[in-house]
């Protein structure tokens, strides 16, 4: 994705706000909250900021685990993936990200569905 998308959505500060709102939504969802038990939420937050920054074209390279490896032990299904994607979309919109940029970011995320679901 072009670096200007990262700048146009507000850079690191905006991404951090999106990620905070995203995790607030995900962790309030009984369907999803259990997947995060036992994980260091600060570490997950940092990885998510890095990931969203990277897919938005920011000056960041995602250095977290491979998506298939990172989610292998979770036994996620398509409904889980869809719910998480919907919360990300909502967080982006609520933080004022332009619709075209929301769509571009979600397109990047959708490319990861198969590895995240272990397919």
PDB file of N, CA and C in Angstrom:
ATOM      1  N   UNK A   1       0.845  -1.177   0.000  1.00  0.00           N
ATOM      2  CA  UNK A   1       0.000   0.000   0.000  1.00  0.00           C
ATOM      3  C   UNK A   1       0.890   1.239   0.000  1.00  0.00           C
ATOM      4  N   UNK A   2       0.433   2.275  -0.651  1.00  0.00           N
ATOM      5  CA  UNK A   2       1.221   3.495  -0.765  1.00  0.00           C
ATOM      6  C   UNK A   2       1.410   4.176   0.591  1.00  0.00           C
ATOM      7  N   UNK A   3       2.613   4.676   0.868  1.00  0.00           N
ATOM      8  CA  UNK A   3       2.898   5.323   2.146  1.00  0.00           C
ATOM      9  C   UNK A   3       1.970   6.492   2.470  1.00  0.00           C
ATOM     10  N   UNK A   4       1.439   7.157   1.439  1.00  0.00           N
ATOM     11  CA  UNK A   4       0.578   8.291   1.725  1.00  0.00           C
ATOM     12  C   UNK A   4      -0.704   7.890   2.448  1.00  0.00           C
ATOM     13  N   UNK A   5      -1.143   6.632   2.337  1.00  0.00           N
ATOM     14  CA  UNK A   5      -2.332   6.188   3.060  1.00  0.00           C
ATOM     15  C   UNK A   5      -2.084   6.298   4.556  1.00  0.00           C
ATOM     16  N   UNK A   6      -0.952   5.830   5.011  1.00  0.00           N
ATOM     17  CA  UNK A   6      -0.595   5.924   6.424  1.00  0.00           C
ATOM     18  C   UNK A   6      -0.648   7.370   6.894  1.00  0.00           C
ATOM     19  N   UNK A   7      -0.064   8.254   6.131  1.00  0.00           N
ATOM     20  CA  UNK A   7      -0.071   9.678   6.492  1.00  0.00           C
ATOM     21  C   UNK A   7      -1.479  10.256   6.438  1.00  0.00           C
ATOM     22  N   UNK A   8      -2.245   9.866   5.430  1.00  0.00           N
ATOM     23  CA  UNK A   8      -3.596  10.415   5.269  1.00  0.00           C
ATOM     24  C   UNK A   8      -4.546   9.971   6.376  1.00  0.00           C
ATOM     25  N   UNK A   9      -4.302   8.809   6.946  1.00  0.00           N
ATOM     26  CA  UNK A   9      -5.190   8.383   8.031  1.00  0.00           C
ATOM     27  C   UNK A   9      -4.759   8.963   9.375  1.00  0.00           C
ATOM     28  N   UNK A  10      -3.614   9.632   9.420  1.00  0.00           N
ATOM     29  CA  UNK A  10      -3.185  10.295  10.644  1.00  0.00           C
ATOM     30  C   UNK A  10      -1.947   9.724  11.285  1.00  0.00           C
ATOM     31  N   UNK A  11      -1.268   8.803  10.602  1.00  0.00           N
ATOM     32  CA  UNK A  11      -0.010   8.268  11.103  1.00  0.00           C
ATOM     33  C   UNK A  11      -0.150   7.438  12.369  1.00  0.00           C
ATOM     34  N   UNK A  12       0.939   7.355  13.105  1.00  0.00           N
ATOM     35  CA  UNK A  12       1.013   6.468  14.272  1.00  0.00           C
ATOM     36  C   UNK A  12      -0.052   6.777  15.322  1.00  0.00           C
ATOM     37  N   UNK A  13      -0.273   8.055  15.583  1.00  0.00           N
ATOM     38  CA  UNK A  13      -1.261   8.418  16.606  1.00  0.00           C
ATOM     39  C   UNK A  13      -2.642   7.884  16.237  1.00  0.00           C
ATOM     40  N   UNK A  14      -3.027   8.026  14.984  1.00  0.00           N
ATOM     41  CA  UNK A  14      -4.322   7.523  14.530  1.00  0.00           C
ATOM     42  C   UNK A  14      -4.373   6.002  14.598  1.00  0.00           C
ATOM     43  N   UNK A  15      -3.303   5.349  14.190  1.00  0.00           N
ATOM     44  CA  UNK A  15      -3.269   3.880  14.237  1.00  0.00           C
ATOM     45  C   UNK A  15      -3.395   3.397  15.678  1.00  0.00           C
ATOM     46  N   UNK A  16      -2.713   4.051  16.596  1.00  0.00           N
ATOM     47  CA  UNK A  16      -2.815   3.660  18.001  1.00  0.00           C
ATOM     48  C   UNK A  16      -4.244   3.819  18.514  1.00  0.00           C
ATOM     49  N   UNK A  17      -4.910   4.871  18.114  1.00  0.00           N
ATOM     50  CA  UNK A  17      -6.298   5.088  18.509  1.00  0.00           C
ATOM     51  C   UNK A  17      -7.203   4.004  17.929  1.00  0.00           C
ATOM     52  N   UNK A  18      -6.988   3.669  16.657  1.00  0.00           N
ATOM     53  CA  UNK A  18      -7.763   2.603  16.011  1.00  0.00           C
ATOM     54  C   UNK A  18      -7.554   1.286  16.753  1.00  0.00           C
ATOM     55  N   UNK A  19      -6.312   0.962  17.057  1.00  0.00           N
ATOM     56  CA  UNK A  19      -6.004  -0.312  17.717  1.00  0.00           C
ATOM     57  C   UNK A  19      -6.609  -0.360  19.118  1.00  0.00           C
ATOM     58  N   UNK A  20      -6.564   0.735  19.848  1.00  0.00           N
ATOM     59  CA  UNK A  20      -7.183   0.774  21.173  1.00  0.00           C
ATOM     60  C   UNK A  20      -8.681   0.503  21.061  1.00  0.00           C
ATOM     61  N   UNK A  21      -9.341   1.198  20.150  1.00  0.00           N
ATOM     62  CA  UNK A  21     -10.781   0.997  19.971  1.00  0.00           C
ATOM     63  C   UNK A  21     -11.090  -0.408  19.473  1.00  0.00           C
ATOM     64  N   UNK A  22     -10.261  -0.913  18.587  1.00  0.00           N
ATOM     65  CA  UNK A  22     -10.423  -2.271  18.069  1.00  0.00           C
ATOM     66  C   UNK A  22     -10.385  -3.289  19.207  1.00  0.00           C
ATOM     67  N   UNK A  23      -9.362  -3.221  20.060  1.00  0.00           N
ATOM     68  CA  UNK A  23      -9.263  -4.188  21.157  1.00  0.00           C
ATOM     69  C   UNK A  23     -10.374  -4.007  22.182  1.00  0.00           C
ATOM     70  N   UNK A  24     -10.818  -2.781  22.402  1.00  0.00           N
ATOM     71  CA  UNK A  24     -11.962  -2.577  23.295  1.00  0.00           C
ATOM     72  C   UNK A  24     -13.169  -3.359  22.788  1.00  0.00           C
ATOM     73  N   UNK A  25     -13.398  -3.323  21.494  1.00  0.00           N
ATOM     74  CA  UNK A  25     -14.540  -4.020  20.892  1.00  0.00           C
ATOM     75  C   UNK A  25     -14.350  -5.543  20.922  1.00  0.00           C
ATOM     76  N   UNK A  26     -13.191  -5.993  20.524  1.00  0.00           N
ATOM     77  CA  UNK A  26     -12.920  -7.433  20.466  1.00  0.00           C
ATOM     78  C   UNK A  26     -12.992  -8.057  21.859  1.00  0.00           C
ATOM     79  N   UNK A  27     -12.384  -7.408  22.841  1.00  0.00           N
ATOM     80  CA  UNK A  27     -12.348  -7.979  24.191  1.00  0.00           C
ATOM     81  C   UNK A  27     -13.695  -7.907  24.897  1.00  0.00           C
ATOM     82  N   UNK A  28     -14.618  -7.077  24.401  1.00  0.00           N
ATOM     83  CA  UNK A  28     -15.969  -7.003  24.963  1.00  0.00           C
ATOM     84  C   UNK A  28     -16.896  -8.042  24.335  1.00  0.00           C
ATOM     85  N   UNK A  29     -16.409  -8.739  23.316  1.00  0.00           N
ATOM     86  CA  UNK A  29     -17.212  -9.743  22.605  1.00  0.00           C
ATOM     87  C   UNK A  29     -16.949 -11.114  23.207  1.00  0.00           C
ATOM     88  N   UNK A  30     -17.975 -11.707  23.800  1.00  0.00           N
ATOM     89  CA  UNK A  30     -17.817 -13.017  24.450  1.00  0.00           C
ATOM     90  C   UNK A  30     -17.342 -14.096  23.481  1.00  0.00           C
ATOM     91  N   UNK A  31     -17.700 -13.976  22.212  1.00  0.00           N
ATOM     92  CA  UNK A  31     -17.273 -14.946  21.193  1.00  0.00           C
ATOM     93  C   UNK A  31     -15.757 -14.913  21.003  1.00  0.00           C
ATOM     94  N   UNK A  32     -15.153 -13.743  21.205  1.00  0.00           N
ATOM     95  CA  UNK A  32     -13.738 -13.552  20.885  1.00  0.00           C
ATOM     96  C   UNK A  32     -12.827 -13.407  22.098  1.00  0.00           C
ATOM     97  N   UNK A  33     -13.331 -12.895  23.191  1.00  0.00           N
ATOM     98  CA  UNK A  33     -12.490 -12.553  24.351  1.00  0.00           C
ATOM     99  C   UNK A  33     -11.659 -13.731  24.845  1.00  0.00           C
ATOM    100  N   UNK A  34     -12.203 -14.917  24.828  1.00  0.00           N
ATOM    101  CA  UNK A  34     -11.490 -16.089  25.324  1.00  0.00           C
ATOM    102  C   UNK A  34     -10.219 -16.403  24.564  1.00  0.00           C
ATOM    103  N   UNK A  35     -10.163 -16.013  23.319  1.00  0.00           N
ATOM    104  CA  UNK A  35      -8.963 -16.260  22.519  1.00  0.00           C
ATOM    105  C   UNK A  35      -7.754 -15.479  23.041  1.00  0.00           C
ATOM    106  N   UNK A  36      -7.998 -14.466  23.841  1.00  0.00           N
ATOM    107  CA  UNK A  36      -6.925 -13.589  24.303  1.00  0.00           C
ATOM    108  C   UNK A  36      -6.467 -13.899  25.724  1.00  0.00           C
ATOM    109  N   UNK A  37      -7.136 -14.846  26.375  1.00  0.00           N
ATOM    110  CA  UNK A  37      -6.757 -15.213  27.737  1.00  0.00           C
ATOM    111  C   UNK A  37      -5.355 -15.804  27.738  1.00  0.00           C
ATOM    112  N   UNK A  38      -4.550 -15.337  28.674  1.00  0.00           N
ATOM    113  CA  UNK A  38      -3.196 -15.848  28.811  1.00  0.00           C
ATOM    114  C   UNK A  38      -2.172 -15.168  27.912  1.00  0.00           C
ATOM    115  N   UNK A  39      -2.619 -14.223  27.112  1.00  0.00           N
ATOM    116  CA  UNK A  39      -1.695 -13.506  26.235  1.00  0.00           C
ATOM    117  C   UNK A  39      -1.361 -12.147  26.833  1.00  0.00           C
ATOM    118  N   UNK A  40      -0.185 -11.666  26.555  1.00  0.00           N
ATOM    119  CA  UNK A  40       0.250 -10.338  26.993  1.00  0.00           C
ATOM    120  C   UNK A  40      -0.423  -9.308  26.082  1.00  0.00           C
ATOM    121  N   UNK A  41      -1.438  -8.630  26.618  1.00  0.00           N
ATOM    122  CA  UNK A  41      -2.203  -7.702  25.794  1.00  0.00           C
ATOM    123  C   UNK A  41      -1.375  -6.506  25.333  1.00  0.00           C
ATOM    124  N   UNK A  42      -0.419  -6.081  26.134  1.00  0.00           N
ATOM    125  CA  UNK A  42       0.446  -4.981  25.692  1.00  0.00           C
ATOM    126  C   UNK A  42       1.269  -5.391  24.475  1.00  0.00           C
ATOM    127  N   UNK A  43       1.744  -6.624  24.495  1.00  0.00           N
ATOM    128  CA  UNK A  43       2.515  -7.132  23.360  1.00  0.00           C
ATOM    129  C   UNK A  43       1.623  -7.263  22.125  1.00  0.00           C
ATOM    130  N   UNK A  44       0.418  -7.781  22.321  1.00  0.00           N
ATOM    131  CA  UNK A  44      -0.517  -7.905  21.199  1.00  0.00           C
ATOM    132  C   UNK A  44      -0.856  -6.528  20.623  1.00  0.00           C
ATOM    133  N   UNK A  45      -1.078  -5.565  21.510  1.00  0.00           N
ATOM    134  CA  UNK A  45      -1.370  -4.197  21.086  1.00  0.00           C
ATOM    135  C   UNK A  45      -0.217  -3.659  20.226  1.00  0.00           C
ATOM    136  N   UNK A  46       0.997  -3.830  20.700  1.00  0.00           N
ATOM    137  CA  UNK A  46       2.167  -3.341  19.959  1.00  0.00           C
ATOM    138  C   UNK A  46       2.266  -4.006  18.589  1.00  0.00           C
ATOM    139  N   UNK A  47       2.032  -5.313  18.538  1.00  0.00           N
ATOM    140  CA  UNK A  47       2.076  -6.021  17.256  1.00  0.00           C
ATOM    141  C   UNK A  47       0.966  -5.534  16.331  1.00  0.00           C
ATOM    142  N   UNK A  48      -0.214  -5.266  16.892  1.00  0.00           N
ATOM    143  CA  UNK A  48      -1.326  -4.805  16.069  1.00  0.00           C
ATOM    144  C   UNK A  48      -1.061  -3.405  15.519  1.00  0.00           C
ATOM    145  N   UNK A  49      -0.470  -2.535  16.324  1.00  0.00           N
ATOM    146  CA  UNK A  49      -0.100  -1.204  15.840  1.00  0.00           C
ATOM    147  C   UNK A  49       0.900  -1.355  14.695  1.00  0.00           C
ATOM    148  N   UNK A  50       1.863  -2.219  14.883  1.00  0.00           N
ATOM    149  CA  UNK A  50       2.875  -2.460  13.849  1.00  0.00           C
ATOM    150  C   UNK A  50       2.222  -3.035  12.589  1.00  0.00           C
ATOM    151  N   UNK A  51       1.310  -3.985  12.779  1.00  0.00           N
ATOM    152  CA  UNK A  51       0.645  -4.623  11.646  1.00  0.00           C
ATOM    153  C   UNK A  51      -0.205  -3.629  10.865  1.00  0.00           C
ATOM    154  N   UNK A  52      -1.069  -2.880  11.562  1.00  0.00           N
ATOM    155  CA  UNK A  52      -1.936  -1.915  10.881  1.00  0.00           C
ATOM    156  C   UNK A  52      -1.092  -0.833  10.209  1.00  0.00           C
ATOM    157  N   UNK A  53      -0.054  -0.379  10.873  1.00  0.00           N
ATOM    158  CA  UNK A  53       0.843   0.611  10.266  1.00  0.00           C
ATOM    159  C   UNK A  53       1.440   0.065   8.977  1.00  0.00           C
ATOM    160  N   UNK A  54       1.860  -1.180   9.026  1.00  0.00           N
ATOM    161  CA  UNK A  54       2.477  -1.803   7.862  1.00  0.00           C
ATOM    162  C   UNK A  54       1.484  -1.937   6.708  1.00  0.00           C
ATOM    163  N   UNK A  55       0.271  -2.456   6.976  1.00  0.00           N
ATOM    164  CA  UNK A  55      -0.689  -2.640   5.882  1.00  0.00           C
ATOM    165  C   UNK A  55      -1.220  -1.305   5.368  1.00  0.00           C
ATOM    166  N   UNK A  56      -1.093  -0.250   6.167  1.00  0.00           N
ATOM    167  CA  UNK A  56      -1.511   1.084   5.718  1.00  0.00           C
ATOM    168  C   UNK A  56      -0.388   1.800   4.967  1.00  0.00           C
ATOM    169  N   UNK A  57       0.745   1.132   4.790  1.00  0.00           N
ATOM    170  CA  UNK A  57       1.839   1.734   4.032  1.00  0.00           C
ATOM    171  C   UNK A  57       2.756   2.598   4.861  1.00  0.00           C
ATOM    172  N   UNK A  58       2.694   2.439   6.170  1.00  0.00           N
ATOM    173  CA  UNK A  58       3.542   3.237   7.043  1.00  0.00           C
ATOM    174  C   UNK A  58       4.998   2.811   6.983  1.00  0.00           C
ATOM    175  N   UNK A  59       5.847   3.599   7.619  1.00  0.00           N
ATOM    176  CA  UNK A  59       7.282   3.314   7.610  1.00  0.00           C
ATOM    177  C   UNK A  59       7.641   2.236   8.640  1.00  0.00           C
ATOM    178  N   UNK A  60       6.870   1.179   8.623  1.00  0.00           N
ATOM    179  CA  UNK A  60       6.996   0.118   9.623  1.00  0.00           C
ATOM    180  C   UNK A  60       6.960  -1.214   8.899  1.00  0.00           C
ATOM    181  N   UNK A  61       7.794  -2.125   9.321  1.00  0.00           N
ATOM    182  CA  UNK A  61       7.755  -3.482   8.808  1.00  0.00           C
ATOM    183  C   UNK A  61       7.241  -4.381   9.919  1.00  0.00           C
ATOM    184  N   UNK A  62       6.225  -5.160   9.624  1.00  0.00           N
ATOM    185  CA  UNK A  62       5.667  -6.072  10.621  1.00  0.00           C
ATOM    186  C   UNK A  62       6.693  -7.160  10.914  1.00  0.00           C
ATOM    187  N   UNK A  63       7.039  -7.308  12.201  1.00  0.00           N
ATOM    188  CA  UNK A  63       8.046  -8.299  12.592  1.00  0.00           C
ATOM    189  C   UNK A  63       7.468  -9.376  13.494  1.00  0.00           C
ATOM    190  N   UNK A  64       6.141  -9.401  13.608  1.00  0.00           N
ATOM    191  CA  UNK A  64       5.508 -10.429  14.431  1.00  0.00           C
ATOM    192  C   UNK A  64       5.614 -11.785  13.759  1.00  0.00           C
ATOM    193  N   UNK A  65       5.073 -12.765  14.434  1.00  0.00           N
ATOM    194  CA  UNK A  65       5.104 -14.135  13.914  1.00  0.00           C
ATOM    195  C   UNK A  65       4.315 -14.221  12.612  1.00  0.00           C
ATOM    196  N   UNK A  66       4.668 -15.203  11.814  1.00  0.00           N
ATOM    197  CA  UNK A  66       3.914 -15.535  10.622  1.00  0.00           C
ATOM    198  C   UNK A  66       2.445 -15.717  11.031  1.00  0.00           C
ATOM    199  N   UNK A  67       1.519 -15.240  10.229  1.00  0.00           N
ATOM    200  CA  UNK A  67       0.092 -15.275  10.592  1.00  0.00           C
ATOM    201  C   UNK A  67      -0.404 -16.701  10.842  1.00  0.00           C
ATOM    202  N   UNK A  68       0.010 -17.639  10.029  1.00  0.00           N
ATOM    203  CA  UNK A  68      -0.419 -19.030  10.227  1.00  0.00           C
ATOM    204  C   UNK A  68       0.109 -19.545  11.571  1.00  0.00           C
ATOM    205  N   UNK A  69       1.373 -19.296  11.831  1.00  0.00           N
ATOM    206  CA  UNK A  69       2.005 -19.741  13.076  1.00  0.00           C
ATOM    207  C   UNK A  69       1.398 -19.049  14.302  1.00  0.00           C
ATOM    208  N   UNK A  70       1.168 -17.758  14.189  1.00  0.00           N
ATOM    209  CA  UNK A  70       0.663 -16.979  15.325  1.00  0.00           C
ATOM    210  C   UNK A  70      -0.742 -17.388  15.742  1.00  0.00           C
ATOM    211  N   UNK A  71      -1.529 -17.909  14.812  1.00  0.00           N
ATOM    212  CA  UNK A  71      -2.920 -18.248  15.105  1.00  0.00           C
ATOM    213  C   UNK A  71      -3.188 -19.755  15.117  1.00  0.00           C
ATOM    214  N   UNK A  72      -2.152 -20.562  14.943  1.00  0.00           N
ATOM    215  CA  UNK A  72      -2.318 -22.008  14.786  1.00  0.00           C
ATOM    216  C   UNK A  72      -3.019 -22.677  15.959  1.00  0.00           C
ATOM    217  N   UNK A  73      -2.750 -22.248  17.159  1.00  0.00           N
ATOM    218  CA  UNK A  73      -3.311 -22.918  18.332  1.00  0.00           C
ATOM    219  C   UNK A  73      -4.690 -22.395  18.735  1.00  0.00           C
ATOM    220  N   UNK A  74      -5.262 -21.490  17.963  1.00  0.00           N
ATOM    221  CA  UNK A  74      -6.515 -20.847  18.363  1.00  0.00           C
ATOM    222  C   UNK A  74      -7.778 -21.517  17.828  1.00  0.00           C
ATOM    223  N   UNK A  75      -7.666 -22.332  16.796  1.00  0.00           N
ATOM    224  CA  UNK A  75      -8.822 -23.007  16.206  1.00  0.00           C
ATOM    225  C   UNK A  75      -9.919 -22.005  15.829  1.00  0.00           C
ATOM    226  N   UNK A  76      -9.523 -20.970  15.113  1.00  0.00           N
ATOM    227  CA  UNK A  76     -10.458 -19.943  14.665  1.00  0.00           C
ATOM    228  C   UNK A  76     -11.296 -20.450  13.502  1.00  0.00           C
ATOM    229  N   UNK A  77     -12.503 -19.906  13.374  1.00  0.00           N
ATOM    230  CA  UNK A  77     -13.330 -20.252  12.230  1.00  0.00           C
ATOM    231  C   UNK A  77     -13.687 -18.979  11.455  1.00  0.00           C
ATOM    232  N   UNK A  78     -14.292 -19.122  10.296  1.00  0.00           N
ATOM    233  CA  UNK A  78     -14.600 -17.931   9.491  1.00  0.00           C
ATOM    234  C   UNK A  78     -15.447 -16.891  10.234  1.00  0.00           C
ATOM    235  N   UNK A  79     -16.356 -17.314  11.096  1.00  0.00           N
ATOM    236  CA  UNK A  79     -17.174 -16.350  11.854  1.00  0.00           C
ATOM    237  C   UNK A  79     -16.303 -15.513  12.779  1.00  0.00           C
ATOM    238  N   UNK A  80     -15.277 -16.124  13.367  1.00  0.00           N
ATOM    239  CA  UNK A  80     -14.353 -15.375  14.220  1.00  0.00           C
ATOM    240  C   UNK A  80     -13.592 -14.336  13.395  1.00  0.00           C
ATOM    241  N   UNK A  81     -13.088 -14.766  12.260  1.00  0.00           N
ATOM    242  CA  UNK A  81     -12.347 -13.852  11.387  1.00  0.00           C
ATOM    243  C   UNK A  81     -13.235 -12.686  10.965  1.00  0.00           C
ATOM    244  N   UNK A  82     -14.458 -12.991  10.555  1.00  0.00           N
ATOM    245  CA  UNK A  82     -15.384 -11.957  10.113  1.00  0.00           C
ATOM    246  C   UNK A  82     -15.704 -10.972  11.229  1.00  0.00           C
ATOM    247  N   UNK A  83     -15.874 -11.482  12.445  1.00  0.00           N
ATOM    248  CA  UNK A  83     -16.176 -10.604  13.580  1.00  0.00           C
ATOM    249  C   UNK A  83     -15.012  -9.661  13.856  1.00  0.00           C
ATOM    250  N   UNK A  84     -13.799 -10.197  13.841  1.00  0.00           N
ATOM    251  CA  UNK A  84     -12.612  -9.366  14.078  1.00  0.00           C
ATOM    252  C   UNK A  84     -12.475  -8.318  12.974  1.00  0.00           C
ATOM    253  N   UNK A  85     -12.680  -8.726  11.732  1.00  0.00           N
ATOM    254  CA  UNK A  85     -12.594  -7.778  10.615  1.00  0.00           C
ATOM    255  C   UNK A  85     -13.655  -6.684  10.748  1.00  0.00           C
ATOM    256  N   UNK A  86     -14.854  -7.055  11.185  1.00  0.00           N
ATOM    257  CA  UNK A  86     -15.924  -6.067  11.358  1.00  0.00           C
ATOM    258  C   UNK A  86     -15.560  -5.063  12.454  1.00  0.00           C
ATOM    259  N   UNK A  87     -14.943  -5.537  13.537  1.00  0.00           N
ATOM    260  CA  UNK A  87     -14.517  -4.619  14.596  1.00  0.00           C
ATOM    261  C   UNK A  87     -13.407  -3.694  14.118  1.00  0.00           C
ATOM    262  N   UNK A  88     -12.525  -4.216  13.295  1.00  0.00           N
ATOM    263  CA  UNK A  88     -11.476  -3.364  12.733  1.00  0.00           C
ATOM    264  C   UNK A  88     -12.096  -2.299  11.834  1.00  0.00           C
ATOM    265  N   UNK A  89     -13.018  -2.708  10.995  1.00  0.00           N
ATOM    266  CA  UNK A  89     -13.689  -1.754  10.115  1.00  0.00           C
ATOM    267  C   UNK A  89     -14.384  -0.661  10.932  1.00  0.00           C
ATOM    268  N   UNK A  90     -15.110  -1.052  11.959  1.00  0.00           N
ATOM    269  CA  UNK A  90     -15.804  -0.088  12.811  1.00  0.00           C
ATOM    270  C   UNK A  90     -14.816   0.861  13.478  1.00  0.00           C
ATOM    271  N   UNK A  91     -13.723   0.320  14.003  1.00  0.00           N
ATOM    272  CA  UNK A  91     -12.718   1.165  14.665  1.00  0.00           C
ATOM    273  C   UNK A  91     -12.104   2.157  13.679  1.00  0.00           C
ATOM    274  N   UNK A  92     -11.835   1.716  12.475  1.00  0.00           N
ATOM    275  CA  UNK A  92     -11.288   2.617  11.455  1.00  0.00           C
ATOM    276  C   UNK A  92     -12.276   3.742  11.141  1.00  0.00           C
ATOM    277  N   UNK A  93     -13.531   3.369  10.920  1.00  0.00           N
ATOM    278  CA  UNK A  93     -14.556   4.358  10.584  1.00  0.00           C
ATOM    279  C   UNK A  93     -14.756   5.337  11.739  1.00  0.00           C
ATOM    280  N   UNK A  94     -14.859   4.804  12.957  1.00  0.00           N
ATOM    281  CA  UNK A  94     -15.079   5.662  14.118  1.00  0.00           C
ATOM    282  C   UNK A  94     -13.914   6.617  14.373  1.00  0.00           C
ATOM    283  N   UNK A  95     -12.755   6.289  13.840  1.00  0.00           N
ATOM    284  CA  UNK A  95     -11.586   7.160  13.993  1.00  0.00           C
ATOM    285  C   UNK A  95     -11.378   8.053  12.775  1.00  0.00           C
ATOM    286  N   UNK A  96     -12.388   8.141  11.939  1.00  0.00           N
ATOM    287  CA  UNK A  96     -12.365   9.097  10.844  1.00  0.00           C
ATOM    288  C   UNK A  96     -11.575   8.694   9.621  1.00  0.00           C
ATOM    289  N   UNK A  97     -11.269   7.407   9.486  1.00  0.00           N
ATOM    290  CA  UNK A  97     -10.528   6.961   8.304  1.00  0.00           C
ATOM    291  C   UNK A  97     -11.476   6.968   7.110  1.00  0.00           C
ATOM    292  N   UNK A  98     -11.028   7.563   6.038  1.00  0.00           N
ATOM    293  CA  UNK A  98     -11.793   7.674   4.799  1.00  0.00           C
ATOM    294  C   UNK A  98     -12.192   6.278   4.302  1.00  0.00           C
ATOM    295  N   UNK A  99     -13.401   6.190   3.730  1.00  0.00           N
ATOM    296  CA  UNK A  99     -13.940   4.906   3.270  1.00  0.00           C
ATOM    297  C   UNK A  99     -13.003   4.174   2.311  1.00  0.00           C
ATOM    298  N   UNK A 100     -12.382   4.912   1.390  1.00  0.00           N
ATOM    299  CA  UNK A 100     -11.461   4.272   0.441  1.00  0.00           C
ATOM    300  C   UNK A 100     -10.271   3.643   1.163  1.00  0.00           C
ATOM    301  N   UNK A 101      -9.786   4.310   2.201  1.00  0.00           N
ATOM    302  CA  UNK A 101      -8.654   3.783   2.958  1.00  0.00           C
ATOM    303  C   UNK A 101      -9.084   2.600   3.835  1.00  0.00           C
ATOM    304  N   UNK A 102     -10.301   2.675   4.368  1.00  0.00           N
ATOM    305  CA  UNK A 102     -10.836   1.539   5.136  1.00  0.00           C
ATOM    306  C   UNK A 102     -10.880   0.314   4.235  1.00  0.00           C
ATOM    307  N   UNK A 103     -11.423   0.486   3.047  1.00  0.00           N
ATOM    308  CA  UNK A 103     -11.528  -0.633   2.105  1.00  0.00           C
ATOM    309  C   UNK A 103     -10.157  -1.182   1.735  1.00  0.00           C
ATOM    310  N   UNK A 104      -9.189  -0.295   1.523  1.00  0.00           N
ATOM    311  CA  UNK A 104      -7.840  -0.739   1.152  1.00  0.00           C
ATOM    312  C   UNK A 104      -7.194  -1.525   2.300  1.00  0.00           C
ATOM    313  N   UNK A 105      -7.352  -1.047   3.518  1.00  0.00           N
ATOM    314  CA  UNK A 105      -6.774  -1.742   4.678  1.00  0.00           C
ATOM    315  C   UNK A 105      -7.447  -3.092   4.858  1.00  0.00           C
ATOM    316  N   UNK A 106      -8.783  -3.126   4.756  1.00  0.00           N
ATOM    317  CA  UNK A 106      -9.499  -4.397   4.924  1.00  0.00           C
ATOM    318  C   UNK A 106      -9.168  -5.385   3.809  1.00  0.00           C
ATOM    319  N   UNK A 107      -8.887  -4.878   2.624  1.00  0.00           N
ATOM    320  CA  UNK A 107      -8.477  -5.771   1.531  1.00  0.00           C
ATOM    321  C   UNK A 107      -7.153  -6.448   1.871  1.00  0.00           C
ATOM    322  N   UNK A 108      -6.235  -5.693   2.459  1.00  0.00           N
ATOM    323  CA  UNK A 108      -4.955  -6.270   2.880  1.00  0.00           C
ATOM    324  C   UNK A 108      -5.179  -7.330   3.963  1.00  0.00           C
ATOM    325  N   UNK A 109      -6.060  -7.036   4.890  1.00  0.00           N
ATOM    326  CA  UNK A 109      -6.360  -7.974   5.982  1.00  0.00           C
ATOM    327  C   UNK A 109      -7.038  -9.221   5.432  1.00  0.00           C
ATOM    328  N   UNK A 110      -7.957  -9.060   4.493  1.00  0.00           N
ATOM    329  CA  UNK A 110      -8.677 -10.216   3.949  1.00  0.00           C
ATOM    330  C   UNK A 110      -7.742 -11.203   3.260  1.00  0.00           C
ATOM    331  N   UNK A 111      -6.619 -10.707   2.755  1.00  0.00           N
ATOM    332  CA  UNK A 111      -5.623 -11.585   2.128  1.00  0.00           C
ATOM    333  C   UNK A 111      -5.037 -12.573   3.128  1.00  0.00           C
ATOM    334  N   UNK A 112      -5.198 -12.282   4.405  1.00  0.00           N
ATOM    335  CA  UNK A 112      -4.615 -13.130   5.456  1.00  0.00           C
ATOM    336  C   UNK A 112      -5.604 -14.125   6.054  1.00  0.00           C
ATOM    337  N   UNK A 113      -6.826 -14.124   5.548  1.00  0.00           N
ATOM    338  CA  UNK A 113      -7.843 -15.001   6.145  1.00  0.00           C
ATOM    339  C   UNK A 113      -7.422 -16.469   6.127  1.00  0.00           C
ATOM    340  N   UNK A 114      -6.992 -16.975   5.005  1.00  0.00           N
ATOM    341  CA  UNK A 114      -6.624 -18.393   4.931  1.00  0.00           C
ATOM    342  C   UNK A 114      -5.488 -18.756   5.868  1.00  0.00           C
ATOM    343  N   UNK A 115      -4.382 -17.995   5.897  1.00  0.00           N
ATOM    344  CA  UNK A 115      -3.332 -18.346   6.852  1.00  0.00           C
ATOM    345  C   UNK A 115      -3.790 -18.246   8.313  1.00  0.00           C
ATOM    346  N   UNK A 116      -4.586 -17.225   8.612  1.00  0.00           N
ATOM    347  CA  UNK A 116      -5.054 -17.064   9.997  1.00  0.00           C
ATOM    348  C   UNK A 116      -5.953 -18.229  10.396  1.00  0.00           C
ATOM    349  N   UNK A 117      -6.779 -18.696   9.460  1.00  0.00           N
ATOM    350  CA  UNK A 117      -7.668 -19.820   9.757  1.00  0.00           C
ATOM    351  C   UNK A 117      -6.993 -21.172   9.561  1.00  0.00           C
ATOM    352  N   UNK A 118      -5.727 -21.151   9.190  1.00  0.00           N
ATOM    353  CA  UNK A 118      -4.980 -22.397   9.031  1.00  0.00           C
ATOM    354  C   UNK A 118      -5.355 -23.181   7.808  1.00  0.00           C
ATOM    355  N   UNK A 119      -5.799 -22.499   6.774  1.00  0.00           N
ATOM    356  CA  UNK A 119      -6.220 -23.184   5.543  1.00  0.00           C
ATOM    357  C   UNK A 119      -5.134 -23.146   4.503  1.00  0.00           C
TER     358      UNK A 119
END
